[in-house]
Amino acid sequence: APAEARAREAATRREADVDYARKVIEN
């Protein structure tokens, strides 16, 4: 259960990181 919760959290965080990185690179 903890491992599955960590995986879901990591996937959400990864998506947010990529979106943020695109904005940073533009500037």
PDB file of all heavy atoms in Angstrom:
ATOM      1  N   ALA A   1       0.815  -1.222   0.000  1.00  0.00           N
ATOM      2  CA  ALA A   1       0.000   0.000   0.000  1.00  0.00           C
ATOM      3  C   ALA A   1       0.851   1.275   0.000  1.00  0.00           C
ATOM      4  O   ALA A   1       0.622   2.178  -0.815  1.00  0.00           O
ATOM      5  CB  ALA A   1      -0.959  -0.009   1.182  1.00  0.00           C
ATOM      6  N   PRO A   2       1.864   1.407   0.872  1.00  0.00           N
ATOM      7  CA  PRO A   2       2.689   2.621   0.835  1.00  0.00           C
ATOM      8  C   PRO A   2       3.417   2.792  -0.500  1.00  0.00           C
ATOM      9  O   PRO A   2       3.534   3.906  -1.005  1.00  0.00           O
ATOM     10  CB  PRO A   2       3.683   2.406   1.992  1.00  0.00           C
ATOM     11  CG  PRO A   2       3.004   1.440   2.898  1.00  0.00           C
ATOM     12  CD  PRO A   2       2.223   0.534   2.002  1.00  0.00           C
ATOM     13  N   ALA A   3       3.904   1.687  -1.071  1.00  0.00           N
ATOM     14  CA  ALA A   3       4.621   1.767  -2.343  1.00  0.00           C
ATOM     15  C   ALA A   3       3.708   2.259  -3.458  1.00  0.00           C
ATOM     16  O   ALA A   3       4.105   3.066  -4.302  1.00  0.00           O
ATOM     17  CB  ALA A   3       5.211   0.402  -2.697  1.00  0.00           C
ATOM     18  N   GLU A   4       2.469   1.752  -3.486  1.00  0.00           N
ATOM     19  CA  GLU A   4       1.524   2.184  -4.515  1.00  0.00           C
ATOM     20  C   GLU A   4       1.184   3.660  -4.353  1.00  0.00           C
ATOM     21  O   GLU A   4       1.067   4.395  -5.345  1.00  0.00           O
ATOM     22  CB  GLU A   4       0.266   1.325  -4.438  1.00  0.00           C
ATOM     23  CG  GLU A   4       0.496  -0.126  -4.865  1.00  0.00           C
ATOM     24  CD  GLU A   4      -0.698  -1.008  -4.571  1.00  0.00           C
ATOM     25  OE1 GLU A   4      -1.688  -0.490  -4.006  1.00  0.00           O
ATOM     26  OE2 GLU A   4      -0.648  -2.201  -4.915  1.00  0.00           O
ATOM     27  N   ALA A   5       1.033   4.092  -3.126  1.00  0.00           N
ATOM     28  CA  ALA A   5       0.748   5.508  -2.876  1.00  0.00           C
ATOM     29  C   ALA A   5       1.917   6.384  -3.333  1.00  0.00           C
ATOM     30  O   ALA A   5       1.715   7.447  -3.940  1.00  0.00           O
ATOM     31  CB  ALA A   5       0.460   5.732  -1.392  1.00  0.00           C
ATOM     32  N   ARG A   6       3.141   5.926  -3.068  1.00  0.00           N
ATOM     33  CA  ARG A   6       4.323   6.684  -3.505  1.00  0.00           C
ATOM     34  C   ARG A   6       4.391   6.762  -5.030  1.00  0.00           C
ATOM     35  O   ARG A   6       4.773   7.794  -5.584  1.00  0.00           O
ATOM     36  CB  ARG A   6       5.591   6.035  -2.941  1.00  0.00           C
ATOM     37  CG  ARG A   6       5.807   6.246  -1.443  1.00  0.00           C
ATOM     38  CD  ARG A   6       7.226   5.885  -1.031  1.00  0.00           C
ATOM     39  NE  ARG A   6       7.540   4.491  -1.310  1.00  0.00           N
ATOM     40  CZ  ARG A   6       7.348   3.499  -0.440  1.00  0.00           C
ATOM     41  NH1 ARG A   6       6.816   3.758   0.759  1.00  0.00           N
ATOM     42  NH2 ARG A   6       7.674   2.253  -0.753  1.00  0.00           N
ATOM     43  N   ALA A   7       4.040   5.675  -5.714  1.00  0.00           N
ATOM     44  CA  ALA A   7       4.079   5.658  -7.176  1.00  0.00           C
ATOM     45  C   ALA A   7       3.075   6.647  -7.762  1.00  0.00           C
ATOM     46  O   ALA A   7       3.375   7.369  -8.722  1.00  0.00           O
ATOM     47  CB  ALA A   7       3.796   4.248  -7.687  1.00  0.00           C
ATOM     48  N   ARG A   8       1.873   6.690  -7.185  1.00  0.00           N
ATOM     49  CA  ARG A   8       0.866   7.642  -7.670  1.00  0.00           C
ATOM     50  C   ARG A   8       1.324   9.078  -7.450  1.00  0.00           C
ATOM     51  O   ARG A   8       1.179   9.945  -8.318  1.00  0.00           O
ATOM     52  CB  ARG A   8      -0.470   7.391  -6.956  1.00  0.00           C
ATOM     53  CG  ARG A   8      -1.171   6.103  -7.392  1.00  0.00           C
ATOM     54  CD  ARG A   8      -2.600   6.081  -6.874  1.00  0.00           C
ATOM     55  NE  ARG A   8      -2.664   6.081  -5.422  1.00  0.00           N
ATOM     56  CZ  ARG A   8      -2.679   4.978  -4.671  1.00  0.00           C
ATOM     57  NH1 ARG A   8      -2.613   3.783  -5.247  1.00  0.00           N
ATOM     58  NH2 ARG A   8      -2.752   5.059  -3.353  1.00  0.00           N
ATOM     59  N   GLU A   9       1.905   9.314  -6.282  1.00  0.00           N
ATOM     60  CA  GLU A   9       2.404  10.659  -5.975  1.00  0.00           C
ATOM     61  C   GLU A   9       3.534  11.058  -6.926  1.00  0.00           C
ATOM     62  O   GLU A   9       3.590  12.192  -7.402  1.00  0.00           O
ATOM     63  CB  GLU A   9       2.894  10.699  -4.530  1.00  0.00           C
ATOM     64  CG  GLU A   9       3.409  12.062  -4.091  1.00  0.00           C
ATOM     65  CD  GLU A   9       3.975  12.032  -2.679  1.00  0.00           C
ATOM     66  OE1 GLU A   9       3.774  11.010  -1.977  1.00  0.00           O
ATOM     67  OE2 GLU A   9       4.613  13.014  -2.277  1.00  0.00           O
ATOM     68  N   ALA A  10       4.428  10.101  -7.236  1.00  0.00           N
ATOM     69  CA  ALA A  10       5.561  10.384  -8.126  1.00  0.00           C
ATOM     70  C   ALA A  10       5.083  10.704  -9.535  1.00  0.00           C
ATOM     71  O   ALA A  10       5.636  11.590 -10.205  1.00  0.00           O
ATOM     72  CB  ALA A  10       6.513   9.196  -8.144  1.00  0.00           C
ATOM     73  N   ALA A  11       4.069   9.984 -10.027  1.00  0.00           N
ATOM     74  CA  ALA A  11       3.552  10.230 -11.375  1.00  0.00           C
ATOM     75  C   ALA A  11       2.955  11.628 -11.476  1.00  0.00           C
ATOM     76  O   ALA A  11       3.178  12.357 -12.459  1.00  0.00           O
ATOM     77  CB  ALA A  11       2.511   9.170 -11.733  1.00  0.00           C
ATOM     78  N   THR A  12       2.215  12.022 -10.472  1.00  0.00           N
ATOM     79  CA  THR A  12       1.622  13.359 -10.464  1.00  0.00           C
ATOM     80  C   THR A  12       2.702  14.431 -10.415  1.00  0.00           C
ATOM     81  O   THR A  12       2.651  15.440 -11.132  1.00  0.00           O
ATOM     82  CB  THR A  12       0.686  13.506  -9.246  1.00  0.00           C
ATOM     83  OG1 THR A  12      -0.333  12.502  -9.317  1.00  0.00           O
ATOM     84  CG2 THR A  12       0.043  14.885  -9.227  1.00  0.00           C
ATOM     85  N   ARG A  13       3.708  14.189  -9.579  1.00  0.00           N
ATOM     86  CA  ARG A  13       4.797  15.157  -9.440  1.00  0.00           C
ATOM     87  C   ARG A  13       5.613  15.266 -10.729  1.00  0.00           C
ATOM     88  O   ARG A  13       6.015  16.354 -11.128  1.00  0.00           O
ATOM     89  CB  ARG A  13       5.692  14.748  -8.273  1.00  0.00           C
ATOM     90  CG  ARG A  13       6.698  15.831  -7.870  1.00  0.00           C
ATOM     91  CD  ARG A  13       7.302  15.511  -6.513  1.00  0.00           C
ATOM     92  NE  ARG A  13       7.884  14.187  -6.497  1.00  0.00           N
ATOM     93  CZ  ARG A  13       7.695  13.283  -5.543  1.00  0.00           C
ATOM     94  NH1 ARG A  13       6.904  13.560  -4.529  1.00  0.00           N
ATOM     95  NH2 ARG A  13       8.289  12.100  -5.588  1.00  0.00           N
ATOM     96  N   ARG A  14       5.818  14.145 -11.409  1.00  0.00           N
ATOM     97  CA  ARG A  14       6.580  14.140 -12.663  1.00  0.00           C
ATOM     98  C   ARG A  14       5.872  14.986 -13.721  1.00  0.00           C
ATOM     99  O   ARG A  14       6.498  15.783 -14.418  1.00  0.00           O
ATOM    100  CB  ARG A  14       6.729  12.695 -13.158  1.00  0.00           C
ATOM    101  CG  ARG A  14       7.166  12.539 -14.603  1.00  0.00           C
ATOM    102  CD  ARG A  14       8.608  12.874 -14.802  1.00  0.00           C
ATOM    103  NE  ARG A  14       9.021  12.636 -16.177  1.00  0.00           N
ATOM    104  CZ  ARG A  14      10.195  12.946 -16.669  1.00  0.00           C
ATOM    105  NH1 ARG A  14      11.101  13.492 -15.882  1.00  0.00           N
ATOM    106  NH2 ARG A  14      10.498  12.701 -17.917  1.00  0.00           N
ATOM    107  N   GLU A  15       4.569  14.834 -13.839  1.00  0.00           N
ATOM    108  CA  GLU A  15       3.807  15.616 -14.811  1.00  0.00           C
ATOM    109  C   GLU A  15       3.921  17.099 -14.520  1.00  0.00           C
ATOM    110  O   GLU A  15       4.121  17.921 -15.433  1.00  0.00           O
ATOM    111  CB  GLU A  15       2.341  15.166 -14.786  1.00  0.00           C
ATOM    112  CG  GLU A  15       1.483  15.809 -15.863  1.00  0.00           C
ATOM    113  CD  GLU A  15       0.066  15.270 -15.859  1.00  0.00           C
ATOM    114  OE1 GLU A  15      -0.194  14.259 -15.170  1.00  0.00           O
ATOM    115  OE2 GLU A  15      -0.795  15.868 -16.532  1.00  0.00           O
ATOM    116  N   ALA A  16       3.848  17.452 -13.248  1.00  0.00           N
ATOM    117  CA  ALA A  16       3.978  18.859 -12.867  1.00  0.00           C
ATOM    118  C   ALA A  16       5.385  19.382 -13.140  1.00  0.00           C
ATOM    119  O   ALA A  16       5.562  20.523 -13.587  1.00  0.00           O
ATOM    120  CB  ALA A  16       3.624  19.025 -11.388  1.00  0.00           C
ATOM    121  N   ASP A  17       6.397  18.538 -12.909  1.00  0.00           N
ATOM    122  CA  ASP A  17       7.781  18.945 -13.140  1.00  0.00           C
ATOM    123  C   ASP A  17       8.036  19.247 -14.616  1.00  0.00           C
ATOM    124  O   ASP A  17       8.736  20.207 -14.963  1.00  0.00           O
ATOM    125  CB  ASP A  17       8.742  17.853 -12.662  1.00  0.00           C
ATOM    126  CG  ASP A  17       8.852  17.800 -11.149  1.00  0.00           C
ATOM    127  OD1 ASP A  17       8.419  18.756 -10.485  1.00  0.00           O
ATOM    128  OD2 ASP A  17       9.370  16.781 -10.635  1.00  0.00           O
ATOM    129  N   VAL A  18       7.504  18.397 -15.514  1.00  0.00           N
ATOM    130  CA  VAL A  18       7.710  18.607 -16.951  1.00  0.00           C
ATOM    131  C   VAL A  18       7.048  19.906 -17.392  1.00  0.00           C
ATOM    132  O   VAL A  18       7.631  20.695 -18.155  1.00  0.00           O
ATOM    133  CB  VAL A  18       7.174  17.405 -17.758  1.00  0.00           C
ATOM    134  CG1 VAL A  18       7.207  17.713 -19.253  1.00  0.00           C
ATOM    135  CG2 VAL A  18       7.997  16.161 -17.465  1.00  0.00           C
ATOM    136  N   ASP A  19       5.826  20.155 -16.931  1.00  0.00           N
ATOM    137  CA  ASP A  19       5.147  21.405 -17.277  1.00  0.00           C
ATOM    138  C   ASP A  19       5.944  22.607 -16.783  1.00  0.00           C
ATOM    139  O   ASP A  19       6.124  23.601 -17.504  1.00  0.00           O
ATOM    140  CB  ASP A  19       3.746  21.423 -16.662  1.00  0.00           C
ATOM    141  CG  ASP A  19       2.792  20.462 -17.359  1.00  0.00           C
ATOM    142  OD1 ASP A  19       3.097  20.063 -18.508  1.00  0.00           O
ATOM    143  OD2 ASP A  19       1.764  20.100 -16.760  1.00  0.00           O
ATOM    144  N   TYR A  20       6.425  22.521 -15.575  1.00  0.00           N
ATOM    145  CA  TYR A  20       7.215  23.618 -15.016  1.00  0.00           C
ATOM    146  C   TYR A  20       8.511  23.819 -15.802  1.00  0.00           C
ATOM    147  O   TYR A  20       8.909  24.952 -16.105  1.00  0.00           O
ATOM    148  CB  TYR A  20       7.521  23.325 -13.551  1.00  0.00           C
ATOM    149  CG  TYR A  20       8.557  24.249 -12.939  1.00  0.00           C
ATOM    150  CD1 TYR A  20       8.289  25.597 -12.733  1.00  0.00           C
ATOM    151  CD2 TYR A  20       9.811  23.751 -12.579  1.00  0.00           C
ATOM    152  CE1 TYR A  20       9.232  26.434 -12.183  1.00  0.00           C
ATOM    153  CE2 TYR A  20      10.764  24.588 -12.033  1.00  0.00           C
ATOM    154  CZ  TYR A  20      10.468  25.934 -11.835  1.00  0.00           C
ATOM    155  OH  TYR A  20      11.414  26.757 -11.295  1.00  0.00           O
ATOM    156  N   ALA A  21       9.167  22.701 -16.186  1.00  0.00           N
ATOM    157  CA  ALA A  21      10.434  22.787 -16.909  1.00  0.00           C
ATOM    158  C   ALA A  21      10.256  23.479 -18.255  1.00  0.00           C
ATOM    159  O   ALA A  21      11.113  24.263 -18.684  1.00  0.00           O
ATOM    160  CB  ALA A  21      11.016  21.386 -17.099  1.00  0.00           C
ATOM    161  N   ARG A  22       9.152  23.216 -18.939  1.00  0.00           N
ATOM    162  CA  ARG A  22       8.912  23.863 -20.237  1.00  0.00           C
ATOM    163  C   ARG A  22       8.838  25.381 -20.074  1.00  0.00           C
ATOM    164  O   ARG A  22       9.377  26.136 -20.894  1.00  0.00           O
ATOM    165  CB  ARG A  22       7.619  23.331 -20.852  1.00  0.00           C
ATOM    166  CG  ARG A  22       7.713  21.894 -21.346  1.00  0.00           C
ATOM    167  CD  ARG A  22       6.557  21.563 -22.291  1.00  0.00           C
ATOM    168  NE  ARG A  22       6.634  20.161 -22.701  1.00  0.00           N
ATOM    169  CZ  ARG A  22       5.938  19.180 -22.165  1.00  0.00           C
ATOM    170  NH1 ARG A  22       5.098  19.437 -21.166  1.00  0.00           N
ATOM    171  NH2 ARG A  22       6.056  17.943 -22.603  1.00  0.00           N
ATOM    172  N   LYS A  23       8.179  25.834 -19.022  1.00  0.00           N
ATOM    173  CA  LYS A  23       8.057  27.269 -18.787  1.00  0.00           C
ATOM    174  C   LYS A  23       9.411  27.890 -18.450  1.00  0.00           C
ATOM    175  O   LYS A  23       9.735  28.997 -18.900  1.00  0.00           O
ATOM    176  CB  LYS A  23       7.070  27.522 -17.653  1.00  0.00           C
ATOM    177  CG  LYS A  23       5.638  27.085 -17.991  1.00  0.00           C
ATOM    178  CD  LYS A  23       4.721  27.204 -16.786  1.00  0.00           C
ATOM    179  CE  LYS A  23       3.328  26.675 -17.101  1.00  0.00           C
ATOM    180  NZ  LYS A  23       2.438  26.689 -15.910  1.00  0.00           N
ATOM    181  N   VAL A  24      10.219  27.157 -17.655  1.00  0.00           N
ATOM    182  CA  VAL A  24      11.540  27.665 -17.291  1.00  0.00           C
ATOM    183  C   VAL A  24      12.418  27.816 -18.516  1.00  0.00           C
ATOM    184  O   VAL A  24      13.093  28.835 -18.716  1.00  0.00           O
ATOM    185  CB  VAL A  24      12.209  26.731 -16.263  1.00  0.00           C
ATOM    186  CG1 VAL A  24      13.674  27.115 -16.061  1.00  0.00           C
ATOM    187  CG2 VAL A  24      11.467  26.789 -14.939  1.00  0.00           C
ATOM    188  N   ILE A  25      12.413  26.784 -19.392  1.00  0.00           N
ATOM    189  CA  ILE A  25      13.292  26.784 -20.568  1.00  0.00           C
ATOM    190  C   ILE A  25      12.930  27.924 -21.511  1.00  0.00           C
ATOM    191  O   ILE A  25      13.794  28.500 -22.171  1.00  0.00           O
ATOM    192  CB  ILE A  25      13.218  25.414 -21.272  1.00  0.00           C
ATOM    193  CG1 ILE A  25      13.941  24.369 -20.401  1.00  0.00           C
ATOM    194  CG2 ILE A  25      13.846  25.461 -22.655  1.00  0.00           C
ATOM    195  CD1 ILE A  25      13.816  22.956 -20.904  1.00  0.00           C
ATOM    196  N   GLU A  26      11.647  28.269 -21.578  1.00  0.00           N
ATOM    197  CA  GLU A  26      11.230  29.379 -22.436  1.00  0.00           C
ATOM    198  C   GLU A  26      11.870  30.695 -22.004  1.00  0.00           C
ATOM    199  O   GLU A  26      12.048  31.605 -22.812  1.00  0.00           O
ATOM    200  CB  GLU A  26       9.703  29.514 -22.409  1.00  0.00           C
ATOM    201  CG  GLU A  26       8.980  28.377 -23.121  1.00  0.00           C
ATOM    202  CD  GLU A  26       7.471  28.472 -22.945  1.00  0.00           C
ATOM    203  OE1 GLU A  26       7.011  29.442 -22.277  1.00  0.00           O
ATOM    204  OE2 GLU A  26       6.755  27.591 -23.463  1.00  0.00           O
ATOM    205  N   ASN A  27      12.221  30.802 -20.737  1.00  0.00           N
ATOM    206  CA  ASN A  27      12.737  32.064 -20.199  1.00  0.00           C
ATOM    207  C   ASN A  27      14.235  32.069 -19.935  1.00  0.00           C
ATOM    208  O   ASN A  27      14.777  33.056 -19.438  1.00  0.00           O
ATOM    209  CB  ASN A  27      12.010  32.393 -18.886  1.00  0.00           C
ATOM    210  CG  ASN A  27      10.522  32.568 -19.096  1.00  0.00           C
ATOM    211  OD1 ASN A  27      10.098  33.239 -20.027  1.00  0.00           O
ATOM    212  ND2 ASN A  27       9.718  31.955 -18.231  1.00  0.00           N
TER     213      ASN A  27
END
